[in-house]
N, C-alpha and C. Protein backbone atom coordinates (compact mmCIF):
# COMPACT_ATOMS: atom_id res chain seq x y z
N MET A 1 0.85 -1.17 0.00
CA MET A 1 0.00 0.00 0.00
C MET A 1 0.90 1.24 0.00
N LYS A 2 0.54 2.21 -0.80
CA LYS A 2 1.31 3.44 -0.87
C LYS A 2 1.18 4.23 0.43
N THR A 3 2.22 4.98 0.73
CA THR A 3 2.24 5.79 1.95
C THR A 3 1.11 6.82 1.95
N SER A 4 0.88 7.45 0.83
CA SER A 4 -0.16 8.49 0.78
C SER A 4 -1.55 7.90 1.04
N VAL A 5 -1.82 6.71 0.54
CA VAL A 5 -3.12 6.06 0.79
C VAL A 5 -3.26 5.71 2.26
N LEU A 6 -2.20 5.19 2.83
CA LEU A 6 -2.22 4.84 4.25
C LEU A 6 -2.44 6.08 5.11
N ARG A 7 -1.80 7.17 4.76
CA ARG A 7 -2.00 8.42 5.51
C ARG A 7 -3.44 8.90 5.43
N TRP A 8 -4.05 8.80 4.23
CA TRP A 8 -5.45 9.21 4.09
C TRP A 8 -6.37 8.35 4.94
N LEU A 9 -6.06 7.07 5.04
CA LEU A 9 -6.90 6.17 5.84
C LEU A 9 -6.74 6.41 7.33
N LEU A 10 -5.51 6.65 7.77
CA LEU A 10 -5.24 6.78 9.20
C LEU A 10 -5.53 8.18 9.75
N ASP A 11 -5.30 9.22 8.94
CA ASP A 11 -5.51 10.57 9.43
C ASP A 11 -6.03 11.47 8.31
N PRO A 12 -7.31 11.36 7.99
CA PRO A 12 -7.85 12.14 6.87
C PRO A 12 -7.82 13.66 7.10
N LEU A 13 -7.95 14.12 8.33
CA LEU A 13 -7.93 15.56 8.58
C LEU A 13 -6.56 16.17 8.28
N THR A 14 -5.51 15.49 8.70
CA THR A 14 -4.17 15.96 8.39
C THR A 14 -3.94 15.92 6.87
N SER A 15 -4.44 14.89 6.22
CA SER A 15 -4.28 14.76 4.78
C SER A 15 -5.01 15.87 4.04
N LEU A 16 -6.18 16.25 4.51
CA LEU A 16 -6.91 17.37 3.89
C LEU A 16 -6.16 18.68 4.08
N LEU A 17 -5.63 18.90 5.26
CA LEU A 17 -4.84 20.10 5.51
C LEU A 17 -3.60 20.12 4.62
N ALA A 18 -2.95 18.99 4.47
CA ALA A 18 -1.78 18.89 3.61
C ALA A 18 -2.14 19.19 2.16
N LEU A 19 -3.28 18.69 1.72
CA LEU A 19 -3.72 18.95 0.36
C LEU A 19 -3.97 20.44 0.15
N ARG A 20 -4.58 21.07 1.14
CA ARG A 20 -4.82 22.52 1.06
C ARG A 20 -3.50 23.29 1.01
N LEU A 21 -2.53 22.90 1.86
CA LEU A 21 -1.22 23.55 1.83
C LEU A 21 -0.52 23.34 0.49
N TRP A 22 -0.64 22.15 -0.04
CA TRP A 22 -0.02 21.82 -1.32
C TRP A 22 -0.63 22.67 -2.45
N PHE A 23 -1.96 22.82 -2.44
CA PHE A 23 -2.62 23.64 -3.46
C PHE A 23 -2.27 25.12 -3.30
N GLN A 24 -2.13 25.60 -2.08
CA GLN A 24 -1.77 27.00 -1.87
C GLN A 24 -0.39 27.31 -2.45
N GLU A 25 0.50 26.35 -2.38
CA GLU A 25 1.85 26.52 -2.94
C GLU A 25 1.87 26.22 -4.44
N ARG A 26 0.74 25.84 -4.99
CA ARG A 26 0.59 25.49 -6.41
C ARG A 26 1.55 24.38 -6.84
N GLY A 27 1.75 23.44 -5.95
CA GLY A 27 2.56 22.28 -6.26
C GLY A 27 4.06 22.50 -6.17
N HIS A 28 4.52 23.65 -5.67
CA HIS A 28 5.96 23.90 -5.55
C HIS A 28 6.58 23.09 -4.42
N ARG A 29 5.77 22.71 -3.46
CA ARG A 29 6.23 21.89 -2.34
C ARG A 29 5.70 20.48 -2.58
N PRO A 30 6.53 19.46 -2.43
CA PRO A 30 6.03 18.09 -2.59
C PRO A 30 4.91 17.78 -1.59
N TYR A 31 3.98 16.94 -1.99
CA TYR A 31 2.87 16.60 -1.10
C TYR A 31 3.36 15.98 0.20
N ASP A 32 4.40 15.16 0.12
CA ASP A 32 4.94 14.53 1.32
C ASP A 32 5.43 15.58 2.32
N THR A 33 6.08 16.62 1.83
CA THR A 33 6.55 17.70 2.70
C THR A 33 5.37 18.47 3.28
N ALA A 34 4.36 18.71 2.45
CA ALA A 34 3.16 19.40 2.93
C ALA A 34 2.46 18.57 4.01
N TRP A 35 2.46 17.25 3.84
CA TRP A 35 1.81 16.40 4.83
C TRP A 35 2.55 16.47 6.17
N ARG A 36 3.88 16.45 6.11
CA ARG A 36 4.66 16.55 7.36
C ARG A 36 4.42 17.89 8.05
N LEU A 37 4.35 18.97 7.26
CA LEU A 37 4.07 20.28 7.84
C LEU A 37 2.69 20.30 8.47
N ALA A 38 1.70 19.74 7.79
CA ALA A 38 0.34 19.68 8.33
C ALA A 38 0.30 18.85 9.60
N ARG A 39 1.04 17.76 9.63
CA ARG A 39 1.07 16.90 10.82
C ARG A 39 1.64 17.65 12.01
N VAL A 40 2.70 18.41 11.79
CA VAL A 40 3.31 19.17 12.89
C VAL A 40 2.40 20.32 13.31
N MET A 41 1.66 20.88 12.37
CA MET A 41 0.72 21.95 12.74
C MET A 41 -0.37 21.40 13.66
N ARG A 42 -0.81 20.18 13.39
CA ARG A 42 -1.87 19.58 14.21
C ARG A 42 -1.33 18.90 15.45
N HIS A 43 -0.09 18.41 15.39
CA HIS A 43 0.53 17.68 16.50
C HIS A 43 1.97 18.17 16.69
N PRO A 44 2.16 19.31 17.36
CA PRO A 44 3.50 19.90 17.49
C PRO A 44 4.51 19.00 18.20
N ASP A 45 4.05 18.06 18.99
CA ASP A 45 4.97 17.18 19.71
C ASP A 45 5.69 16.20 18.77
N GLU A 46 5.29 16.14 17.51
CA GLU A 46 5.91 15.21 16.55
C GLU A 46 6.94 15.89 15.65
N LEU A 47 7.46 17.03 16.06
CA LEU A 47 8.45 17.76 15.27
C LEU A 47 9.68 16.91 14.97
N VAL A 48 10.07 16.07 15.88
CA VAL A 48 11.26 15.22 15.69
C VAL A 48 11.08 14.33 14.46
N TYR A 49 9.89 13.80 14.25
CA TYR A 49 9.65 12.91 13.11
C TYR A 49 9.68 13.68 11.79
N ARG A 50 9.22 14.93 11.80
CA ARG A 50 9.26 15.75 10.58
C ARG A 50 10.69 16.01 10.16
N VAL A 51 11.53 16.38 11.10
CA VAL A 51 12.93 16.65 10.80
C VAL A 51 13.61 15.39 10.29
N HIS A 52 13.28 14.25 10.86
CA HIS A 52 13.88 12.98 10.46
C HIS A 52 13.62 12.67 8.99
N GLY A 53 12.45 12.99 8.51
CA GLY A 53 12.10 12.68 7.13
C GLY A 53 12.81 13.51 6.09
N HIS A 54 13.44 14.61 6.47
CA HIS A 54 14.08 15.49 5.51
C HIS A 54 15.60 15.40 5.54
N ARG A 55 16.13 14.56 6.35
CA ARG A 55 17.59 14.42 6.42
C ARG A 55 18.03 13.18 5.66
N PRO A 56 19.15 13.28 4.95
CA PRO A 56 19.67 12.06 4.32
C PRO A 56 20.24 11.14 5.40
N ASP A 57 20.29 9.86 5.09
CA ASP A 57 20.86 8.92 6.03
C ASP A 57 22.32 9.27 6.28
N ASP A 58 22.73 9.18 7.52
CA ASP A 58 24.11 9.47 7.88
C ASP A 58 24.98 8.25 7.59
N PRO A 59 25.93 8.34 6.67
CA PRO A 59 26.75 7.18 6.35
C PRO A 59 27.64 6.75 7.53
N GLY A 60 27.85 7.63 8.49
CA GLY A 60 28.66 7.29 9.66
C GLY A 60 27.95 6.34 10.59
N ASP A 61 26.62 6.23 10.44
CA ASP A 61 25.85 5.33 11.30
C ASP A 61 25.88 3.89 10.83
N ALA A 62 26.27 3.67 9.60
CA ALA A 62 26.27 2.31 9.05
C ALA A 62 27.42 1.50 9.65
N LEU A 63 27.12 0.28 9.95
CA LEU A 63 28.15 -0.62 10.48
C LEU A 63 28.97 -1.20 9.34
N PRO A 64 30.28 -1.35 9.52
CA PRO A 64 31.10 -1.90 8.44
C PRO A 64 30.88 -3.37 8.23
């Protein structure tokens, strides 16, 4: 199942807010980024998860 479909099923209000934010930007911001922003707007305690999604994996964390 795609992530966007799962998000719509689990939290439709956040998904609607993300869609509205995405349309306001006229598609300049990816929907995934808009969804994370909407999630943090509705649930500020989840800021850590939003930041995690925008960082590349740290190659120093990989075990040899």
